[in-house]
Amino acid sequence: MPRLHQITPSLYQLSLGGVNAFILKDKDLTLIDTGYPGSTARIFSALRQSGQDPRAIKRIILTHAHPDHAGSAAALKQALGVPVLAHQVEAPLLEAGLSGHSPIHCSPGVANWLIYQLLIKGGAGTIEPLLIDQRLTHQEILPLAGGLQVLHTPGHSVGHIALWLKQEGVLIAGDACAHLVGLDLSTVYEDRALGWQSLLILAGLDFEKAVFGHGRPIQKRASYQFKARFKAFN
């Protein structure tokens, strides 16, 4: 049974079987990413178990269009009747029901190769299409939990975004990178070189904690770890 795990006063992580979604709690709730298709019941159950009414979700933000992050977005939008937000470059893909813009390429390393072969290769290239109600732009600040900044971080996908909750010192990295066996590249990228450039931008920010689409949170000195891992290989 999935449970909410508190990261900061406002941010909670929800594990959905190989991928994480997030709940941002303010005057109402914001769901960040939606998991694979069929995740609606698990998300609602986790919220109810924590004493939250799923109907308190008033918006959904998608970091990108891949099926493990946007697979339940259309179903949740229909169930809740709420707006969905995504980067302006990724929005046309979501509305067309496409999970990506370009072919994906596996990152180096045995672990990445195994994950790619077992879980990603041959997977669906489509999702259930849905209307994107708000198209986000780089550095836009959403009026949530004291200010949630949108960071366009292309590479994993063309319109991928990370989200920076400055007031609480936490970066929601999405799939810009992963923290499965240590902090590392994401398993796949559409454009790895562009992904590196996005990681260097993230490494230049100041945040104490970081959470990821895949893997465990970093609870302390997260931006220092980003700098040590990614700037060292620039």
C-alpha atoms as a PDB file:
ATOM      1  CA  MET A   1       0.000   0.000   0.000  1.00  0.00           C
ATOM      2  CA  PRO A   2       1.591   3.317  -1.061  1.00  0.00           C
ATOM      3  CA  ARG A   3       2.066   5.918   1.655  1.00  0.00           C
ATOM      4  CA  LEU A   4       2.933   9.581   1.712  1.00  0.00           C
ATOM      5  CA  HIS A   5       6.443  10.307   2.961  1.00  0.00           C
ATOM      6  CA  GLN A   6       6.993  13.863   4.196  1.00  0.00           C
ATOM      7  CA  ILE A   7      10.046  15.614   2.726  1.00  0.00           C
ATOM      8  CA  THR A   8       9.481  19.215   3.864  1.00  0.00           C
ATOM      9  CA  PRO A   9       6.584  20.967   5.639  1.00  0.00           C
ATOM     10  CA  SER A  10       4.730  21.219   2.301  1.00  0.00           C
ATOM     11  CA  LEU A  11       6.120  18.412   0.115  1.00  0.00           C
ATOM     12  CA  TYR A  12       5.302  14.707   0.295  1.00  0.00           C
ATOM     13  CA  GLN A  13       6.650  11.834  -1.829  1.00  0.00           C
ATOM     14  CA  LEU A  14       4.403   9.011  -2.992  1.00  0.00           C
ATOM     15  CA  SER A  15       6.005   5.841  -4.366  1.00  0.00           C
ATOM     16  CA  LEU A  16       3.958   4.285  -7.168  1.00  0.00           C
ATOM     17  CA  GLY A  17       5.976   1.180  -7.961  1.00  0.00           C
ATOM     18  CA  GLY A  18       9.228   2.196  -9.625  1.00  0.00           C
ATOM     19  CA  VAL A  19       8.312   5.854 -10.004  1.00  0.00           C
ATOM     20  CA  ASN A  20       7.546   8.649  -7.554  1.00  0.00           C
ATOM     21  CA  ALA A  21       4.789  11.224  -7.593  1.00  0.00           C
ATOM     22  CA  PHE A  22       4.569  14.163  -5.209  1.00  0.00           C
ATOM     23  CA  ILE A  23       1.921  16.040  -3.265  1.00  0.00           C
ATOM     24  CA  LEU A  24       2.428  19.730  -2.539  1.00  0.00           C
ATOM     25  CA  LYS A  25       0.255  20.835   0.368  1.00  0.00           C
ATOM     26  CA  ASP A  26      -0.747  24.478   0.624  1.00  0.00           C
ATOM     27  CA  LYS A  27      -4.284  25.853   0.971  1.00  0.00           C
ATOM     28  CA  ASP A  28      -5.161  22.914  -1.242  1.00  0.00           C
ATOM     29  CA  LEU A  29      -3.217  20.048  -2.849  1.00  0.00           C
ATOM     30  CA  THR A  30      -1.139  19.933  -6.023  1.00  0.00           C
ATOM     31  CA  LEU A  31      -0.248  16.571  -7.562  1.00  0.00           C
ATOM     32  CA  ILE A  32       3.115  16.504  -9.334  1.00  0.00           C
ATOM     33  CA  ASP A  33       3.243  13.619 -11.835  1.00  0.00           C
ATOM     34  CA  THR A  34       0.728  10.791 -11.926  1.00  0.00           C
ATOM     35  CA  GLY A  35       2.559   7.479 -12.335  1.00  0.00           C
ATOM     36  CA  TYR A  36       1.856   4.746 -14.858  1.00  0.00           C
ATOM     37  CA  PRO A  37      -1.612   4.184 -16.327  1.00  0.00           C
ATOM     38  CA  GLY A  38      -3.899   2.756 -13.671  1.00  0.00           C
ATOM     39  CA  SER A  39      -2.383   4.651 -10.730  1.00  0.00           C
ATOM     40  CA  THR A  40      -5.474   6.683  -9.799  1.00  0.00           C
ATOM     41  CA  ALA A  41      -6.768   4.303  -7.121  1.00  0.00           C
ATOM     42  CA  ARG A  42      -3.324   4.028  -5.492  1.00  0.00           C
ATOM     43  CA  ILE A  43      -2.946   7.816  -5.327  1.00  0.00           C
ATOM     44  CA  PHE A  44      -6.412   8.272  -3.843  1.00  0.00           C
ATOM     45  CA  SER A  45      -5.852   5.467  -1.333  1.00  0.00           C
ATOM     46  CA  ALA A  46      -2.555   6.966  -0.137  1.00  0.00           C
ATOM     47  CA  LEU A  47      -4.198  10.356   0.334  1.00  0.00           C
ATOM     48  CA  ARG A  48      -7.143   8.941   2.272  1.00  0.00           C
ATOM     49  CA  GLN A  49      -4.794   6.898   4.449  1.00  0.00           C
ATOM     50  CA  SER A  50      -2.975  10.116   5.375  1.00  0.00           C
ATOM     51  CA  GLY A  51      -6.245  11.861   6.195  1.00  0.00           C
ATOM     52  CA  GLN A  52      -6.466  13.852   2.962  1.00  0.00           C
ATOM     53  CA  ASP A  53      -9.460  14.055   0.653  1.00  0.00           C
ATOM     54  CA  PRO A  54      -8.406  13.394  -2.990  1.00  0.00           C
ATOM     55  CA  ARG A  55     -10.868  16.097  -4.014  1.00  0.00           C
ATOM     56  CA  ALA A  56      -8.492  18.597  -2.368  1.00  0.00           C
ATOM     57  CA  ILE A  57      -6.234  18.135  -5.428  1.00  0.00           C
ATOM     58  CA  LYS A  58      -6.886  21.305  -7.421  1.00  0.00           C
ATOM     59  CA  ARG A  59      -4.210  21.005 -10.114  1.00  0.00           C
ATOM     60  CA  ILE A  60      -1.778  18.517 -11.661  1.00  0.00           C
ATOM     61  CA  ILE A  61       1.730  19.460 -12.787  1.00  0.00           C
ATOM     62  CA  LEU A  62       3.552  17.114 -15.165  1.00  0.00           C
ATOM     63  CA  THR A  63       7.351  17.124 -15.369  1.00  0.00           C
ATOM     64  CA  HIS A  64       7.166  15.428 -18.778  1.00  0.00           C
ATOM     65  CA  ALA A  65       5.095  13.156 -20.997  1.00  0.00           C
ATOM     66  CA  HIS A  66       6.683   9.726 -20.446  1.00  0.00           C
ATOM     67  CA  PRO A  67       4.109   7.043 -19.480  1.00  0.00           C
ATOM     68  CA  ASP A  68       5.552   6.477 -15.994  1.00  0.00           C
ATOM     69  CA  HIS A  69       4.988  10.149 -15.155  1.00  0.00           C
ATOM     70  CA  ALA A  70       1.932  11.128 -17.217  1.00  0.00           C
ATOM     71  CA  GLY A  71       0.255   7.748 -17.699  1.00  0.00           C
ATOM     72  CA  SER A  72      -2.655   8.466 -15.334  1.00  0.00           C
ATOM     73  CA  ALA A  73      -2.933  12.183 -16.063  1.00  0.00           C
ATOM     74  CA  ALA A  74      -5.962  11.935 -18.367  1.00  0.00           C
ATOM     75  CA  ALA A  75      -7.845   9.650 -15.953  1.00  0.00           C
ATOM     76  CA  LEU A  76      -7.121  11.911 -12.990  1.00  0.00           C
ATOM     77  CA  LYS A  77      -8.080  15.029 -14.898  1.00  0.00           C
ATOM     78  CA  GLN A  78     -11.391  13.438 -15.776  1.00  0.00           C
ATOM     79  CA  ALA A  79     -12.010  12.131 -12.246  1.00  0.00           C
ATOM     80  CA  LEU A  80     -11.164  15.394 -10.491  1.00  0.00           C
ATOM     81  CA  GLY A  81     -12.053  18.003 -13.103  1.00  0.00           C
ATOM     82  CA  VAL A  82      -8.855  19.945 -12.444  1.00  0.00           C
ATOM     83  CA  PRO A  83      -6.408  21.785 -14.725  1.00  0.00           C
ATOM     84  CA  VAL A  84      -3.177  20.158 -15.869  1.00  0.00           C
ATOM     85  CA  LEU A  85       0.027  22.168 -16.226  1.00  0.00           C
ATOM     86  CA  ALA A  86       3.094  21.274 -18.308  1.00  0.00           C
ATOM     87  CA  HIS A  87       5.910  23.044 -20.122  1.00  0.00           C
ATOM     88  CA  GLN A  88       4.866  24.757 -23.333  1.00  0.00           C
ATOM     89  CA  VAL A  89       7.172  22.509 -25.409  1.00  0.00           C
ATOM     90  CA  GLU A  90       5.874  19.290 -23.841  1.00  0.00           C
ATOM     91  CA  ALA A  91       2.193  20.290 -23.986  1.00  0.00           C
ATOM     92  CA  PRO A  92       1.658  19.412 -27.691  1.00  0.00           C
ATOM     93  CA  LEU A  93       3.011  15.903 -27.060  1.00  0.00           C
ATOM     94  CA  LEU A  94       0.631  15.354 -24.160  1.00  0.00           C
ATOM     95  CA  GLU A  95      -2.301  16.645 -26.170  1.00  0.00           C
ATOM     96  CA  ALA A  96      -1.390  14.331 -29.062  1.00  0.00           C
ATOM     97  CA  GLY A  97      -0.972  11.351 -26.730  1.00  0.00           C
ATOM     98  CA  LEU A  98       2.728  10.994 -27.525  1.00  0.00           C
ATOM     99  CA  SER A  99       5.240  10.140 -24.823  1.00  0.00           C
ATOM    100  CA  GLY A 100       8.257  11.724 -26.456  1.00  0.00           C
ATOM    101  CA  HIS A 101       9.619  13.869 -29.256  1.00  0.00           C
ATOM    102  CA  SER A 102      12.726  11.875 -30.223  1.00  0.00           C
ATOM    103  CA  PRO A 103      14.169   8.366 -29.759  1.00  0.00           C
ATOM    104  CA  ILE A 104      15.605   7.705 -26.307  1.00  0.00           C
ATOM    105  CA  HIS A 105      19.169   6.559 -25.651  1.00  0.00           C
ATOM    106  CA  CYS A 106      20.404   4.514 -22.706  1.00  0.00           C
ATOM    107  CA  SER A 107      22.941   6.089 -20.350  1.00  0.00           C
ATOM    108  CA  PRO A 108      26.260   4.309 -19.670  1.00  0.00           C
ATOM    109  CA  GLY A 109      26.526   1.644 -16.979  1.00  0.00           C
ATOM    110  CA  VAL A 110      25.359  -1.910 -16.370  1.00  0.00           C
ATOM    111  CA  ALA A 111      22.523  -0.868 -14.059  1.00  0.00           C
ATOM    112  CA  ASN A 112      21.132   1.541 -16.649  1.00  0.00           C
ATOM    113  CA  TRP A 113      21.393  -1.113 -19.358  1.00  0.00           C
ATOM    114  CA  LEU A 114      19.477  -3.616 -17.217  1.00  0.00           C
ATOM    115  CA  ILE A 115      16.746  -1.117 -16.332  1.00  0.00           C
ATOM    116  CA  TYR A 116      16.441  -0.146 -19.974  1.00  0.00           C
ATOM    117  CA  GLN A 117      16.241  -3.747 -21.183  1.00  0.00           C
ATOM    118  CA  LEU A 118      13.796  -4.907 -18.508  1.00  0.00           C
ATOM    119  CA  LEU A 119      11.521  -1.920 -18.036  1.00  0.00           C
ATOM    120  CA  ILE A 120      11.839   0.592 -20.856  1.00  0.00           C
ATOM    121  CA  LYS A 121      12.791  -0.981 -24.172  1.00  0.00           C
ATOM    122  CA  GLY A 122       9.750  -1.804 -26.232  1.00  0.00           C
ATOM    123  CA  GLY A 123       7.439   0.114 -23.907  1.00  0.00           C
ATOM    124  CA  ALA A 124       4.464   2.128 -25.066  1.00  0.00           C
ATOM    125  CA  GLY A 125       5.256   5.296 -26.985  1.00  0.00           C
ATOM    126  CA  THR A 126       1.817   6.704 -26.351  1.00  0.00           C
ATOM    127  CA  ILE A 127      -0.343   7.857 -23.456  1.00  0.00           C
ATOM    128  CA  GLU A 128      -4.006   8.776 -23.236  1.00  0.00           C
ATOM    129  CA  PRO A 129      -4.156  12.303 -24.689  1.00  0.00           C
ATOM    130  CA  LEU A 130      -5.344  15.178 -22.527  1.00  0.00           C
ATOM    131  CA  LEU A 131      -5.791  18.925 -22.744  1.00  0.00           C
ATOM    132  CA  ILE A 132      -3.067  21.004 -21.087  1.00  0.00           C
ATOM    133  CA  ASP A 133      -4.748  23.955 -19.415  1.00  0.00           C
ATOM    134  CA  GLN A 134      -1.644  25.992 -18.566  1.00  0.00           C
ATOM    135  CA  ARG A 135       1.591  26.016 -20.557  1.00  0.00           C
ATOM    136  CA  LEU A 136       4.555  26.742 -18.325  1.00  0.00           C
ATOM    137  CA  THR A 137       7.704  28.683 -19.160  1.00  0.00           C
ATOM    138  CA  HIS A 138      11.257  28.649 -17.823  1.00  0.00           C
ATOM    139  CA  GLN A 139      11.688  30.465 -14.484  1.00  0.00           C
ATOM    140  CA  GLU A 140       7.961  31.058 -14.123  1.00  0.00           C
ATOM    141  CA  ILE A 141       6.984  31.126 -10.449  1.00  0.00           C
ATOM    142  CA  LEU A 142       3.724  29.464  -9.494  1.00  0.00           C
ATOM    143  CA  PRO A 143       1.976  30.904  -6.395  1.00  0.00           C
ATOM    144  CA  LEU A 144       2.152  27.654  -4.436  1.00  0.00           C
ATOM    145  CA  ALA A 145       3.738  27.029  -1.012  1.00  0.00           C
ATOM    146  CA  GLY A 146       5.547  30.357  -1.047  1.00  0.00           C
ATOM    147  CA  GLY A 147       6.635  30.135  -4.684  1.00  0.00           C
ATOM    148  CA  LEU A 148       7.317  27.119  -6.905  1.00  0.00           C
ATOM    149  CA  GLN A 149       9.759  27.951  -9.704  1.00  0.00           C
ATOM    150  CA  VAL A 150       9.589  26.151 -13.032  1.00  0.00           C
ATOM    151  CA  LEU A 151      12.966  25.184 -14.514  1.00  0.00           C
ATOM    152  CA  HIS A 152      13.043  24.008 -18.115  1.00  0.00           C
ATOM    153  CA  THR A 153      15.584  21.173 -18.054  1.00  0.00           C
ATOM    154  CA  PRO A 154      15.565  19.554 -21.517  1.00  0.00           C
ATOM    155  CA  GLY A 155      17.539  16.432 -22.304  1.00  0.00           C
ATOM    156  CA  HIS A 156      15.560  13.591 -20.789  1.00  0.00           C
ATOM    157  CA  SER A 157      12.729  14.973 -22.903  1.00  0.00           C
ATOM    158  CA  VAL A 158      12.412  18.125 -24.925  1.00  0.00           C
ATOM    159  CA  GLY A 159      10.012  19.832 -22.529  1.00  0.00           C
ATOM    160  CA  HIS A 160      11.138  18.307 -19.237  1.00  0.00           C
ATOM    161  CA  ILE A 161      10.883  20.534 -16.171  1.00  0.00           C
ATOM    162  CA  ALA A 162      12.272  20.474 -12.657  1.00  0.00           C
ATOM    163  CA  LEU A 163      10.570  22.419  -9.880  1.00  0.00           C
ATOM    164  CA  TRP A 164      12.353  24.459  -7.202  1.00  0.00           C
ATOM    165  CA  LEU A 165      10.560  25.140  -3.928  1.00  0.00           C
ATOM    166  CA  LYS A 166      12.963  27.825  -2.738  1.00  0.00           C
ATOM    167  CA  GLN A 167      11.268  28.662   0.551  1.00  0.00           C
ATOM    168  CA  GLU A 168      11.673  25.060   1.751  1.00  0.00           C
ATOM    169  CA  GLY A 169      15.023  24.405   0.092  1.00  0.00           C
ATOM    170  CA  VAL A 170      13.998  21.448  -2.060  1.00  0.00           C
ATOM    171  CA  LEU A 171      14.433  20.603  -5.732  1.00  0.00           C
ATOM    172  CA  ILE A 172      11.956  18.318  -7.482  1.00  0.00           C
ATOM    173  CA  ALA A 173      14.309  16.994 -10.154  1.00  0.00           C
ATOM    174  CA  GLY A 174      11.902  14.785 -12.093  1.00  0.00           C
ATOM    175  CA  ASP A 175      13.960  12.668 -14.480  1.00  0.00           C
ATOM    176  CA  ALA A 176      16.726  15.211 -15.070  1.00  0.00           C
ATOM    177  CA  CYS A 177      18.759  12.700 -13.041  1.00  0.00           C
ATOM    178  CA  ALA A 178      18.119   9.792 -10.673  1.00  0.00           C
ATOM    179  CA  HIS A 179      19.109   8.647  -7.180  1.00  0.00           C
ATOM    180  CA  LEU A 180      18.851   4.864  -7.370  1.00  0.00           C
ATOM    181  CA  VAL A 181      22.388   3.703  -6.574  1.00  0.00           C
ATOM    182  CA  GLY A 182      23.834   7.086  -5.742  1.00  0.00           C
ATOM    183  CA  LEU A 183      23.229  10.322  -7.619  1.00  0.00           C
ATOM    184  CA  ASP A 184      23.628   9.709 -11.342  1.00  0.00           C
ATOM    185  CA  LEU A 185      22.253  10.306 -14.806  1.00  0.00           C
ATOM    186  CA  SER A 186      18.732   9.213 -15.585  1.00  0.00           C
ATOM    187  CA  THR A 187      18.544   5.824 -17.313  1.00  0.00           C
ATOM    188  CA  VAL A 188      17.563   7.355 -20.664  1.00  0.00           C
ATOM    189  CA  TYR A 189      17.720  10.704 -22.453  1.00  0.00           C
ATOM    190  CA  GLU A 190      16.506  11.998 -25.767  1.00  0.00           C
ATOM    191  CA  ASP A 191      19.615  14.192 -25.847  1.00  0.00           C
ATOM    192  CA  ARG A 192      22.233  13.320 -23.190  1.00  0.00           C
ATOM    193  CA  ALA A 193      24.507  16.279 -23.998  1.00  0.00           C
ATOM    194  CA  LEU A 194      21.585  18.658 -23.499  1.00  0.00           C
ATOM    195  CA  GLY A 195      20.702  16.767 -20.329  1.00  0.00           C
ATOM    196  CA  TRP A 196      24.214  17.412 -18.982  1.00  0.00           C
ATOM    197  CA  GLN A 197      23.780  21.138 -19.606  1.00  0.00           C
ATOM    198  CA  SER A 198      20.511  21.064 -17.679  1.00  0.00           C
ATOM    199  CA  LEU A 199      22.213  19.266 -14.788  1.00  0.00           C
ATOM    200  CA  LEU A 200      24.950  21.903 -14.671  1.00  0.00           C
ATOM    201  CA  ILE A 201      22.253  24.568 -14.337  1.00  0.00           C
ATOM    202  CA  LEU A 202      20.617  22.641 -11.498  1.00  0.00           C
ATOM    203  CA  ALA A 203      24.014  22.155  -9.843  1.00  0.00           C
ATOM    204  CA  GLY A 204      24.398  25.936  -9.720  1.00  0.00           C
ATOM    205  CA  LEU A 205      21.323  26.359  -7.509  1.00  0.00           C
ATOM    206  CA  ASP A 206      21.133  26.250  -3.722  1.00  0.00           C
ATOM    207  CA  PHE A 207      18.894  23.575  -2.167  1.00  0.00           C
ATOM    208  CA  GLU A 208      19.203  21.386   0.907  1.00  0.00           C
ATOM    209  CA  LYS A 209      17.015  18.519  -0.289  1.00  0.00           C
ATOM    210  CA  ALA A 210      16.232  16.896  -3.627  1.00  0.00           C
ATOM    211  CA  VAL A 211      13.625  14.386  -4.756  1.00  0.00           C
ATOM    212  CA  PHE A 212      13.523  12.378  -7.953  1.00  0.00           C
ATOM    213  CA  GLY A 213      11.174  10.545 -10.269  1.00  0.00           C
ATOM    214  CA  HIS A 214      13.222   7.433  -9.563  1.00  0.00           C
ATOM    215  CA  GLY A 215      15.040   6.683  -6.340  1.00  0.00           C
ATOM    216  CA  ARG A 216      15.381   7.965  -2.801  1.00  0.00           C
ATOM    217  CA  PRO A 217      15.342  11.580  -1.619  1.00  0.00           C
ATOM    218  CA  ILE A 218      18.557  13.360  -0.717  1.00  0.00           C
ATOM    219  CA  GLN A 219      17.854  14.888   2.687  1.00  0.00           C
ATOM    220  CA  LYS A 220      21.007  16.942   3.334  1.00  0.00           C
ATOM    221  CA  ARG A 221      23.431  19.076   1.297  1.00  0.00           C
ATOM    222  CA  ALA A 222      21.735  18.108  -1.935  1.00  0.00           C
ATOM    223  CA  SER A 223      23.037  20.955  -4.085  1.00  0.00           C
ATOM    224  CA  TYR A 224      26.575  20.219  -2.845  1.00  0.00           C
ATOM    225  CA  GLN A 225      26.138  16.619  -4.035  1.00  0.00           C
ATOM    226  CA  PHE A 226      24.859  17.855  -7.411  1.00  0.00           C
ATOM    227  CA  LYS A 227      27.924  20.070  -7.792  1.00  0.00           C
ATOM    228  CA  ALA A 228      30.308  17.277  -6.770  1.00  0.00           C
ATOM    229  CA  ARG A 229      28.726  14.730  -9.104  1.00  0.00           C
ATOM    230  CA  PHE A 230      27.904  16.701 -12.215  1.00  0.00           C
ATOM    231  CA  LYS A 231      30.277  19.669 -12.364  1.00  0.00           C
ATOM    232  CA  ALA A 232      33.215  17.312 -11.850  1.00  0.00           C
ATOM    233  CA  PHE A 233      32.437  15.638 -15.174  1.00  0.00           C
ATOM    234  CA  ASN A 234      31.801  18.764 -17.203  1.00  0.00           C
END
